[in-house]
């Protein structure tokens, strides 16, 4: 909630300012109710309600593909999409597929995904197999999927993590080249494309398609204009 006075109007962002202007327009109609006019307009102008974005989570297991994890997080945060890097381990420090260390935000034992927007599954070897081996990750993905939650996965993630859970059944999906048979075995339809969109699902091929993958998550979360703006600012060709 953002309190607005004359001295604070300049602190509003574009979206909040737009809401404030609309409140002023609404006030024109309130004038026909002189007794309640001042009270109602004061309440409306004092508090401009802002919608808090839902939290998304990206799972990081030892051996995660660093580009797929960090570039996705980077792009989402540029678009003001809240995302938590979750360590699927007993420590926040996760060693990636090429030996780089990523420091996660939270341990998987400490998160609650009941109100999550996206659950994001990167690839990497042995990152994806380690996610597949995690009972907690599987439980979270299935619970989220069964209630219609949104899932995004890249590289080996769709084939190694999602397909065995039945999440790709009846859906088109892509993954790292050479693993498409596992998508088909899981009831999905492998499509050889950089990014594939299905209901409540985004899949992508691998490290080199990470930014288009992330931009698609942004598009579905924040809309076309934000996606285009972030893509342009990062020099991403779509």
C-alpha atoms as a PDB file:
ATOM      1  CA  UNK A   1       0.000   0.000   0.000  1.00  0.00           C
ATOM      2  CA  UNK A   2       1.479   3.381  -0.973  1.00  0.00           C
ATOM      3  CA  UNK A   3       0.273   6.511   0.791  1.00  0.00           C
ATOM      4  CA  UNK A   4      -0.033   9.493  -1.520  1.00  0.00           C
ATOM      5  CA  UNK A   5       0.130  13.131  -0.569  1.00  0.00           C
ATOM      6  CA  UNK A   6       0.982  16.106  -2.744  1.00  0.00           C
ATOM      7  CA  UNK A   7       4.617  15.890  -1.693  1.00  0.00           C
ATOM      8  CA  UNK A   8       4.814  12.206  -2.534  1.00  0.00           C
ATOM      9  CA  UNK A   9       3.197  12.068  -5.972  1.00  0.00           C
ATOM     10  CA  UNK A  10       6.620  12.365  -7.615  1.00  0.00           C
ATOM     11  CA  UNK A  11       7.654   9.114  -5.905  1.00  0.00           C
ATOM     12  CA  UNK A  12       5.027   7.048  -7.709  1.00  0.00           C
ATOM     13  CA  UNK A  13       6.074   4.846 -10.575  1.00  0.00           C
ATOM     14  CA  UNK A  14       4.224   5.051 -13.890  1.00  0.00           C
ATOM     15  CA  UNK A  15       1.694   2.331 -13.042  1.00  0.00           C
ATOM     16  CA  UNK A  16       0.921   3.789  -9.622  1.00  0.00           C
ATOM     17  CA  UNK A  17       0.597   7.318 -11.041  1.00  0.00           C
ATOM     18  CA  UNK A  18      -1.839   6.014 -13.636  1.00  0.00           C
ATOM     19  CA  UNK A  19      -3.968   4.502 -10.882  1.00  0.00           C
ATOM     20  CA  UNK A  20      -3.888   7.792  -8.995  1.00  0.00           C
ATOM     21  CA  UNK A  21      -5.060   9.726 -12.063  1.00  0.00           C
ATOM     22  CA  UNK A  22      -7.903   7.255 -12.557  1.00  0.00           C
ATOM     23  CA  UNK A  23      -8.951   7.845  -8.957  1.00  0.00           C
ATOM     24  CA  UNK A  24      -9.128  11.562  -9.660  1.00  0.00           C
ATOM     25  CA  UNK A  25     -11.346  10.853 -12.684  1.00  0.00           C
ATOM     26  CA  UNK A  26     -13.593   8.673 -10.526  1.00  0.00           C
ATOM     27  CA  UNK A  27     -13.911  11.530  -8.063  1.00  0.00           C
ATOM     28  CA  UNK A  28     -15.813  13.561 -10.669  1.00  0.00           C
ATOM     29  CA  UNK A  29     -18.700  11.135 -10.331  1.00  0.00           C
ATOM     30  CA  UNK A  30     -18.530  11.222  -6.539  1.00  0.00           C
ATOM     31  CA  UNK A  31     -19.485  14.926  -6.597  1.00  0.00           C
ATOM     32  CA  UNK A  32     -23.127  13.956  -6.951  1.00  0.00           C
ATOM     33  CA  UNK A  33     -22.896  12.594  -3.383  1.00  0.00           C
ATOM     34  CA  UNK A  34     -21.853  15.697  -1.376  1.00  0.00           C
ATOM     35  CA  UNK A  35     -22.218  14.140   2.078  1.00  0.00           C
ATOM     36  CA  UNK A  36     -19.898  11.231   1.398  1.00  0.00           C
ATOM     37  CA  UNK A  37     -17.724  12.944  -1.193  1.00  0.00           C
ATOM     38  CA  UNK A  38     -14.911  14.113   1.048  1.00  0.00           C
ATOM     39  CA  UNK A  39     -14.642  10.886   3.012  1.00  0.00           C
ATOM     40  CA  UNK A  40     -14.696   8.623  -0.031  1.00  0.00           C
ATOM     41  CA  UNK A  41     -12.272  10.673  -2.078  1.00  0.00           C
ATOM     42  CA  UNK A  42      -9.906  11.008   0.873  1.00  0.00           C
ATOM     43  CA  UNK A  43      -9.809   7.254   1.364  1.00  0.00           C
ATOM     44  CA  UNK A  44      -9.237   6.678  -2.341  1.00  0.00           C
ATOM     45  CA  UNK A  45      -6.495   9.273  -2.673  1.00  0.00           C
ATOM     46  CA  UNK A  46      -4.677   8.353   0.525  1.00  0.00           C
ATOM     47  CA  UNK A  47      -4.108   4.728  -0.440  1.00  0.00           C
ATOM     48  CA  UNK A  48      -3.292   3.570  -3.953  1.00  0.00           C
ATOM     49  CA  UNK A  49      -3.430  -0.178  -3.856  1.00  0.00           C
ATOM     50  CA  UNK A  50      -0.703  -2.082  -5.641  1.00  0.00           C
ATOM     51  CA  UNK A  51      -0.881  -5.768  -6.481  1.00  0.00           C
ATOM     52  CA  UNK A  52       1.994  -7.725  -5.047  1.00  0.00           C
ATOM     53  CA  UNK A  53       3.457 -10.104  -7.613  1.00  0.00           C
ATOM     54  CA  UNK A  54       3.422 -13.777  -6.718  1.00  0.00           C
ATOM     55  CA  UNK A  55       6.737 -15.412  -5.927  1.00  0.00           C
ATOM     56  CA  UNK A  56       8.393 -17.814  -8.343  1.00  0.00           C
ATOM     57  CA  UNK A  57      11.033 -20.411  -7.503  1.00  0.00           C
ATOM     58  CA  UNK A  58      13.954 -21.859  -9.478  1.00  0.00           C
ATOM     59  CA  UNK A  59      15.447 -25.127  -8.252  1.00  0.00           C
ATOM     60  CA  UNK A  60      19.240 -25.412  -8.111  1.00  0.00           C
ATOM     61  CA  UNK A  61      20.811 -28.815  -7.479  1.00  0.00           C
ATOM     62  CA  UNK A  62      24.535 -29.624  -7.562  1.00  0.00           C
ATOM     63  CA  UNK A  63      25.593 -29.806 -11.200  1.00  0.00           C
ATOM     64  CA  UNK A  64      23.047 -27.248 -12.405  1.00  0.00           C
ATOM     65  CA  UNK A  65      23.804 -25.561 -15.732  1.00  0.00           C
ATOM     66  CA  UNK A  66      24.980 -22.163 -14.522  1.00  0.00           C
ATOM     67  CA  UNK A  67      23.836 -20.140 -17.541  1.00  0.00           C
ATOM     68  CA  UNK A  68      20.333 -21.541 -17.407  1.00  0.00           C
ATOM     69  CA  UNK A  69      20.039 -20.706 -13.727  1.00  0.00           C
ATOM     70  CA  UNK A  70      21.697 -17.304 -13.517  1.00  0.00           C
ATOM     71  CA  UNK A  71      20.601 -15.816 -16.850  1.00  0.00           C
ATOM     72  CA  UNK A  72      16.994 -16.762 -16.090  1.00  0.00           C
ATOM     73  CA  UNK A  73      17.168 -15.202 -12.628  1.00  0.00           C
ATOM     74  CA  UNK A  74      18.859 -12.093 -14.035  1.00  0.00           C
ATOM     75  CA  UNK A  75      16.246 -11.527 -16.740  1.00  0.00           C
ATOM     76  CA  UNK A  76      13.297 -12.097 -14.407  1.00  0.00           C
ATOM     77  CA  UNK A  77      14.638  -9.673 -11.820  1.00  0.00           C
ATOM     78  CA  UNK A  78      15.188  -7.024 -14.496  1.00  0.00           C
ATOM     79  CA  UNK A  79      11.475  -7.353 -15.203  1.00  0.00           C
ATOM     80  CA  UNK A  80      10.587  -7.147 -11.487  1.00  0.00           C
ATOM     81  CA  UNK A  81       9.381 -10.741 -11.456  1.00  0.00           C
ATOM     82  CA  UNK A  82      10.110 -11.996  -7.918  1.00  0.00           C
ATOM     83  CA  UNK A  83      12.139 -15.197  -8.090  1.00  0.00           C
ATOM     84  CA  UNK A  84      13.812 -17.194  -5.319  1.00  0.00           C
ATOM     85  CA  UNK A  85      16.851 -19.347  -6.059  1.00  0.00           C
ATOM     86  CA  UNK A  86      16.261 -22.572  -4.125  1.00  0.00           C
ATOM     87  CA  UNK A  87      19.131 -24.850  -3.126  1.00  0.00           C
ATOM     88  CA  UNK A  88      18.180 -28.501  -3.422  1.00  0.00           C
ATOM     89  CA  UNK A  89      20.843 -29.453  -0.921  1.00  0.00           C
ATOM     90  CA  UNK A  90      21.788 -28.868   2.709  1.00  0.00           C
ATOM     91  CA  UNK A  91      23.807 -25.742   1.909  1.00  0.00           C
ATOM     92  CA  UNK A  92      23.078 -22.546   0.021  1.00  0.00           C
ATOM     93  CA  UNK A  93      26.290 -22.888  -1.990  1.00  0.00           C
ATOM     94  CA  UNK A  94      25.636 -24.952  -5.110  1.00  0.00           C
ATOM     95  CA  UNK A  95      28.486 -26.031  -7.387  1.00  0.00           C
ATOM     96  CA  UNK A  96      27.391 -25.909 -10.999  1.00  0.00           C
ATOM     97  CA  UNK A  97      28.098 -28.118 -13.986  1.00  0.00           C
ATOM     98  CA  UNK A  98      31.257 -26.214 -14.950  1.00  0.00           C
ATOM     99  CA  UNK A  99      32.511 -25.819 -11.387  1.00  0.00           C
ATOM    100  CA  UNK A 100      31.162 -22.345 -10.650  1.00  0.00           C
ATOM    101  CA  UNK A 101      29.544 -21.771  -7.271  1.00  0.00           C
ATOM    102  CA  UNK A 102      26.082 -20.241  -7.060  1.00  0.00           C
ATOM    103  CA  UNK A 103      24.771 -18.939  -3.744  1.00  0.00           C
ATOM    104  CA  UNK A 104      21.041 -19.649  -3.482  1.00  0.00           C
ATOM    105  CA  UNK A 105      18.516 -17.547  -1.588  1.00  0.00           C
ATOM    106  CA  UNK A 106      16.837 -20.352   0.365  1.00  0.00           C
ATOM    107  CA  UNK A 107      17.076 -24.033   1.129  1.00  0.00           C
ATOM    108  CA  UNK A 108      14.309 -26.223  -0.252  1.00  0.00           C
ATOM    109  CA  UNK A 109      13.458 -27.201   3.316  1.00  0.00           C
ATOM    110  CA  UNK A 110      12.610 -23.559   4.095  1.00  0.00           C
ATOM    111  CA  UNK A 111      10.245 -22.639   1.281  1.00  0.00           C
ATOM    112  CA  UNK A 112       6.476 -22.791   0.907  1.00  0.00           C
ATOM    113  CA  UNK A 113       5.306 -22.988  -2.703  1.00  0.00           C
ATOM    114  CA  UNK A 114       1.583 -23.019  -1.922  1.00  0.00           C
ATOM    115  CA  UNK A 115       1.156 -19.526  -3.420  1.00  0.00           C
ATOM    116  CA  UNK A 116       3.871 -19.818  -6.071  1.00  0.00           C
ATOM    117  CA  UNK A 117       3.503 -18.489  -9.588  1.00  0.00           C
ATOM    118  CA  UNK A 118       6.217 -20.297 -11.564  1.00  0.00           C
ATOM    119  CA  UNK A 119       8.312 -23.296 -10.599  1.00  0.00           C
ATOM    120  CA  UNK A 120      11.404 -23.262 -12.806  1.00  0.00           C
ATOM    121  CA  UNK A 121      13.521 -26.333 -13.545  1.00  0.00           C
ATOM    122  CA  UNK A 122      16.933 -25.776 -15.174  1.00  0.00           C
ATOM    123  CA  UNK A 123      19.070 -28.534 -16.627  1.00  0.00           C
ATOM    124  CA  UNK A 124      22.700 -29.522 -16.467  1.00  0.00           C
ATOM    125  CA  UNK A 125      24.424 -32.785 -15.667  1.00  0.00           C
ATOM    126  CA  UNK A 126      24.278 -33.949 -12.968  1.00  0.00           C
ATOM    127  CA  UNK A 127      21.969 -31.066 -12.066  1.00  0.00           C
ATOM    128  CA  UNK A 128      18.831 -32.416 -13.735  1.00  0.00           C
ATOM    129  CA  UNK A 129      19.355 -35.991 -12.510  1.00  0.00           C
ATOM    130  CA  UNK A 130      19.854 -34.617  -9.000  1.00  0.00           C
ATOM    131  CA  UNK A 131      16.535 -32.742  -9.240  1.00  0.00           C
ATOM    132  CA  UNK A 132      14.884 -35.924 -10.484  1.00  0.00           C
ATOM    133  CA  UNK A 133      16.298 -37.797  -7.482  1.00  0.00           C
ATOM    134  CA  UNK A 134      14.857 -35.260  -5.022  1.00  0.00           C
ATOM    135  CA  UNK A 135      11.565 -36.507  -3.572  1.00  0.00           C
ATOM    136  CA  UNK A 136      10.777 -33.003  -2.331  1.00  0.00           C
ATOM    137  CA  UNK A 137      11.237 -31.449  -5.776  1.00  0.00           C
ATOM    138  CA  UNK A 138       8.971 -34.084  -7.316  1.00  0.00           C
ATOM    139  CA  UNK A 139       6.311 -33.503  -4.667  1.00  0.00           C
ATOM    140  CA  UNK A 140       6.385 -29.746  -5.200  1.00  0.00           C
ATOM    141  CA  UNK A 141       6.221 -30.008  -8.974  1.00  0.00           C
ATOM    142  CA  UNK A 142       3.336 -32.471  -8.902  1.00  0.00           C
ATOM    143  CA  UNK A 143       1.357 -30.461  -6.351  1.00  0.00           C
ATOM    144  CA  UNK A 144       1.857 -27.280  -8.372  1.00  0.00           C
ATOM    145  CA  UNK A 145       0.971 -29.009 -11.654  1.00  0.00           C
ATOM    146  CA  UNK A 146      -2.163 -30.651 -10.280  1.00  0.00           C
ATOM    147  CA  UNK A 147      -3.605 -27.345  -9.129  1.00  0.00           C
ATOM    148  CA  UNK A 148      -2.926 -25.695 -12.495  1.00  0.00           C
ATOM    149  CA  UNK A 149       0.288 -23.941 -11.509  1.00  0.00           C
ATOM    150  CA  UNK A 150       2.787 -22.755 -14.106  1.00  0.00           C
ATOM    151  CA  UNK A 151       6.043 -24.615 -14.748  1.00  0.00           C
ATOM    152  CA  UNK A 152       9.023 -23.667 -16.910  1.00  0.00           C
ATOM    153  CA  UNK A 153      11.923 -25.977 -17.688  1.00  0.00           C
ATOM    154  CA  UNK A 154      14.966 -25.972 -19.932  1.00  0.00           C
ATOM    155  CA  UNK A 155      17.678 -28.278 -21.287  1.00  0.00           C
ATOM    156  CA  UNK A 156      17.581 -31.722 -19.649  1.00  0.00           C
ATOM    157  CA  UNK A 157      14.899 -30.571 -17.205  1.00  0.00           C
ATOM    158  CA  UNK A 158      11.839 -31.364 -19.324  1.00  0.00           C
ATOM    159  CA  UNK A 159      13.057 -34.850 -20.273  1.00  0.00           C
ATOM    160  CA  UNK A 160      14.749 -35.898 -17.040  1.00  0.00           C
ATOM    161  CA  UNK A 161      12.609 -34.168 -14.404  1.00  0.00           C
ATOM    162  CA  UNK A 162       9.165 -33.363 -15.814  1.00  0.00           C
ATOM    163  CA  UNK A 163       8.499 -36.254 -18.197  1.00  0.00           C
ATOM    164  CA  UNK A 164       8.814 -39.048 -15.590  1.00  0.00           C
ATOM    165  CA  UNK A 165       6.261 -37.223 -13.423  1.00  0.00           C
ATOM    166  CA  UNK A 166       3.670 -37.187 -16.202  1.00  0.00           C
ATOM    167  CA  UNK A 167       3.686 -33.381 -16.357  1.00  0.00           C
ATOM    168  CA  UNK A 168       4.300 -33.394 -20.118  1.00  0.00           C
ATOM    169  CA  UNK A 169       1.578 -35.892 -20.935  1.00  0.00           C
ATOM    170  CA  UNK A 170      -0.507 -34.681 -23.861  1.00  0.00           C
ATOM    171  CA  UNK A 171       1.642 -31.577 -24.331  1.00  0.00           C
ATOM    172  CA  UNK A 172       4.201 -30.427 -26.851  1.00  0.00           C
ATOM    173  CA  UNK A 173       7.609 -29.764 -25.309  1.00  0.00           C
ATOM    174  CA  UNK A 174      11.257 -29.405 -26.187  1.00  0.00           C
ATOM    175  CA  UNK A 175      14.511 -30.181 -24.407  1.00  0.00           C
ATOM    176  CA  UNK A 176      18.235 -30.636 -24.982  1.00  0.00           C
ATOM    177  CA  UNK A 177      18.787 -32.326 -28.382  1.00  0.00           C
ATOM    178  CA  UNK A 178      19.035 -36.079 -28.081  1.00  0.00           C
ATOM    179  CA  UNK A 179      16.714 -36.375 -25.093  1.00  0.00           C
ATOM    180  CA  UNK A 180      13.427 -35.950 -26.936  1.00  0.00           C
ATOM    181  CA  UNK A 181      12.656 -39.654 -26.737  1.00  0.00           C
ATOM    182  CA  UNK A 182      12.187 -39.300 -22.988  1.00  0.00           C
ATOM    183  CA  UNK A 183       9.530 -36.636 -23.556  1.00  0.00           C
ATOM    184  CA  UNK A 184       7.697 -38.975 -25.925  1.00  0.00           C
ATOM    185  CA  UNK A 185       8.039 -41.847 -23.440  1.00  0.00           C
ATOM    186  CA  UNK A 186       6.430 -39.646 -20.800  1.00  0.00           C
ATOM    187  CA  UNK A 187       3.366 -39.098 -22.958  1.00  0.00           C
ATOM    188  CA  UNK A 188       4.427 -35.760 -24.409  1.00  0.00           C
ATOM    189  CA  UNK A 189       5.279 -34.746 -27.961  1.00  0.00           C
ATOM    190  CA  UNK A 190       8.872 -33.715 -28.569  1.00  0.00           C
ATOM    191  CA  UNK A 191       9.199 -30.609 -30.745  1.00  0.00           C
ATOM    192  CA  UNK A 192      12.591 -29.452 -32.013  1.00  0.00           C
ATOM    193  CA  UNK A 193      12.235 -25.722 -31.340  1.00  0.00           C
ATOM    194  CA  UNK A 194      14.101 -23.198 -29.181  1.00  0.00           C
ATOM    195  CA  UNK A 195      11.120 -22.423 -26.956  1.00  0.00           C
ATOM    196  CA  UNK A 196       7.816 -24.292 -26.828  1.00  0.00           C
ATOM    197  CA  UNK A 197       4.719 -22.980 -25.080  1.00  0.00           C
ATOM    198  CA  UNK A 198       1.865 -25.192 -23.885  1.00  0.00           C
ATOM    199  CA  UNK A 199      -0.879 -24.529 -21.317  1.00  0.00           C
ATOM    200  CA  UNK A 200       0.841 -23.581 -18.026  1.00  0.00           C
ATOM    201  CA  UNK A 201       4.142 -24.817 -19.433  1.00  0.00           C
ATOM    202  CA  UNK A 202       7.250 -23.383 -21.097  1.00  0.00           C
ATOM    203  CA  UNK A 203      10.128 -25.579 -22.237  1.00  0.00           C
ATOM    204  CA  UNK A 204      13.381 -24.729 -23.976  1.00  0.00           C
ATOM    205  CA  UNK A 205      16.420 -26.427 -25.473  1.00  0.00           C
ATOM    206  CA  UNK A 206      19.518 -25.419 -23.532  1.00  0.00           C
ATOM    207  CA  UNK A 207      22.125 -22.828 -22.514  1.00  0.00           C
ATOM    208  CA  UNK A 208      21.979 -20.880 -25.781  1.00  0.00           C
ATOM    209  CA  UNK A 209      18.195 -20.498 -25.593  1.00  0.00           C
ATOM    210  CA  UNK A 210      18.084 -19.354 -21.969  1.00  0.00           C
ATOM    211  CA  UNK A 211      17.315 -15.693 -22.646  1.00  0.00           C
ATOM    212  CA  UNK A 212      14.431 -16.372 -25.071  1.00  0.00           C
ATOM    213  CA  UNK A 213      13.182 -18.860 -22.460  1.00  0.00           C
ATOM    214  CA  UNK A 214      13.330 -16.231 -19.724  1.00  0.00           C
ATOM    215  CA  UNK A 215      11.709 -13.604 -21.943  1.00  0.00           C
ATOM    216  CA  UNK A 216       8.786 -15.961 -22.551  1.00  0.00           C
ATOM    217  CA  UNK A 217       8.329 -16.374 -18.791  1.00  0.00           C
ATOM    218  CA  UNK A 218       8.319 -12.571 -18.529  1.00  0.00           C
ATOM    219  CA  UNK A 219       5.810 -12.296 -21.374  1.00  0.00           C
ATOM    220  CA  UNK A 220       3.383 -14.652 -19.692  1.00  0.00           C
ATOM    221  CA  UNK A 221       3.870 -12.978 -16.317  1.00  0.00           C
ATOM    222  CA  UNK A 222       4.056  -9.264 -17.147  1.00  0.00           C
ATOM    223  CA  UNK A 223       2.748  -8.979 -20.699  1.00  0.00           C
ATOM    224  CA  UNK A 224       4.102  -8.320 -24.182  1.00  0.00           C
ATOM    225  CA  UNK A 225       5.322  -4.782 -23.613  1.00  0.00           C
ATOM    226  CA  UNK A 226       7.470  -5.646 -20.607  1.00  0.00           C
ATOM    227  CA  UNK A 227       8.866  -8.678 -22.426  1.00  0.00           C
ATOM    228  CA  UNK A 228       9.772  -6.547 -25.443  1.00  0.00           C
ATOM    229  CA  UNK A 229      11.362  -3.876 -23.259  1.00  0.00           C
ATOM    230  CA  UNK A 230      13.505  -6.361 -21.353  1.00  0.00           C
ATOM    231  CA  UNK A 231      14.495  -8.165 -24.557  1.00  0.00           C
ATOM    232  CA  UNK A 232      15.508  -4.878 -26.179  1.00  0.00           C
ATOM    233  CA  UNK A 233      17.483  -3.748 -23.148  1.00  0.00           C
ATOM    234  CA  UNK A 234      19.398  -7.044 -23.140  1.00  0.00           C
ATOM    235  CA  UNK A 235      19.852  -7.091 -26.942  1.00  0.00           C
ATOM    236  CA  UNK A 236      17.895 -10.326 -27.240  1.00  0.00           C
ATOM    237  CA  UNK A 237      16.590 -11.138 -30.717  1.00  0.00           C
ATOM    238  CA  UNK A 238      13.207 -12.822 -30.612  1.00  0.00           C
END
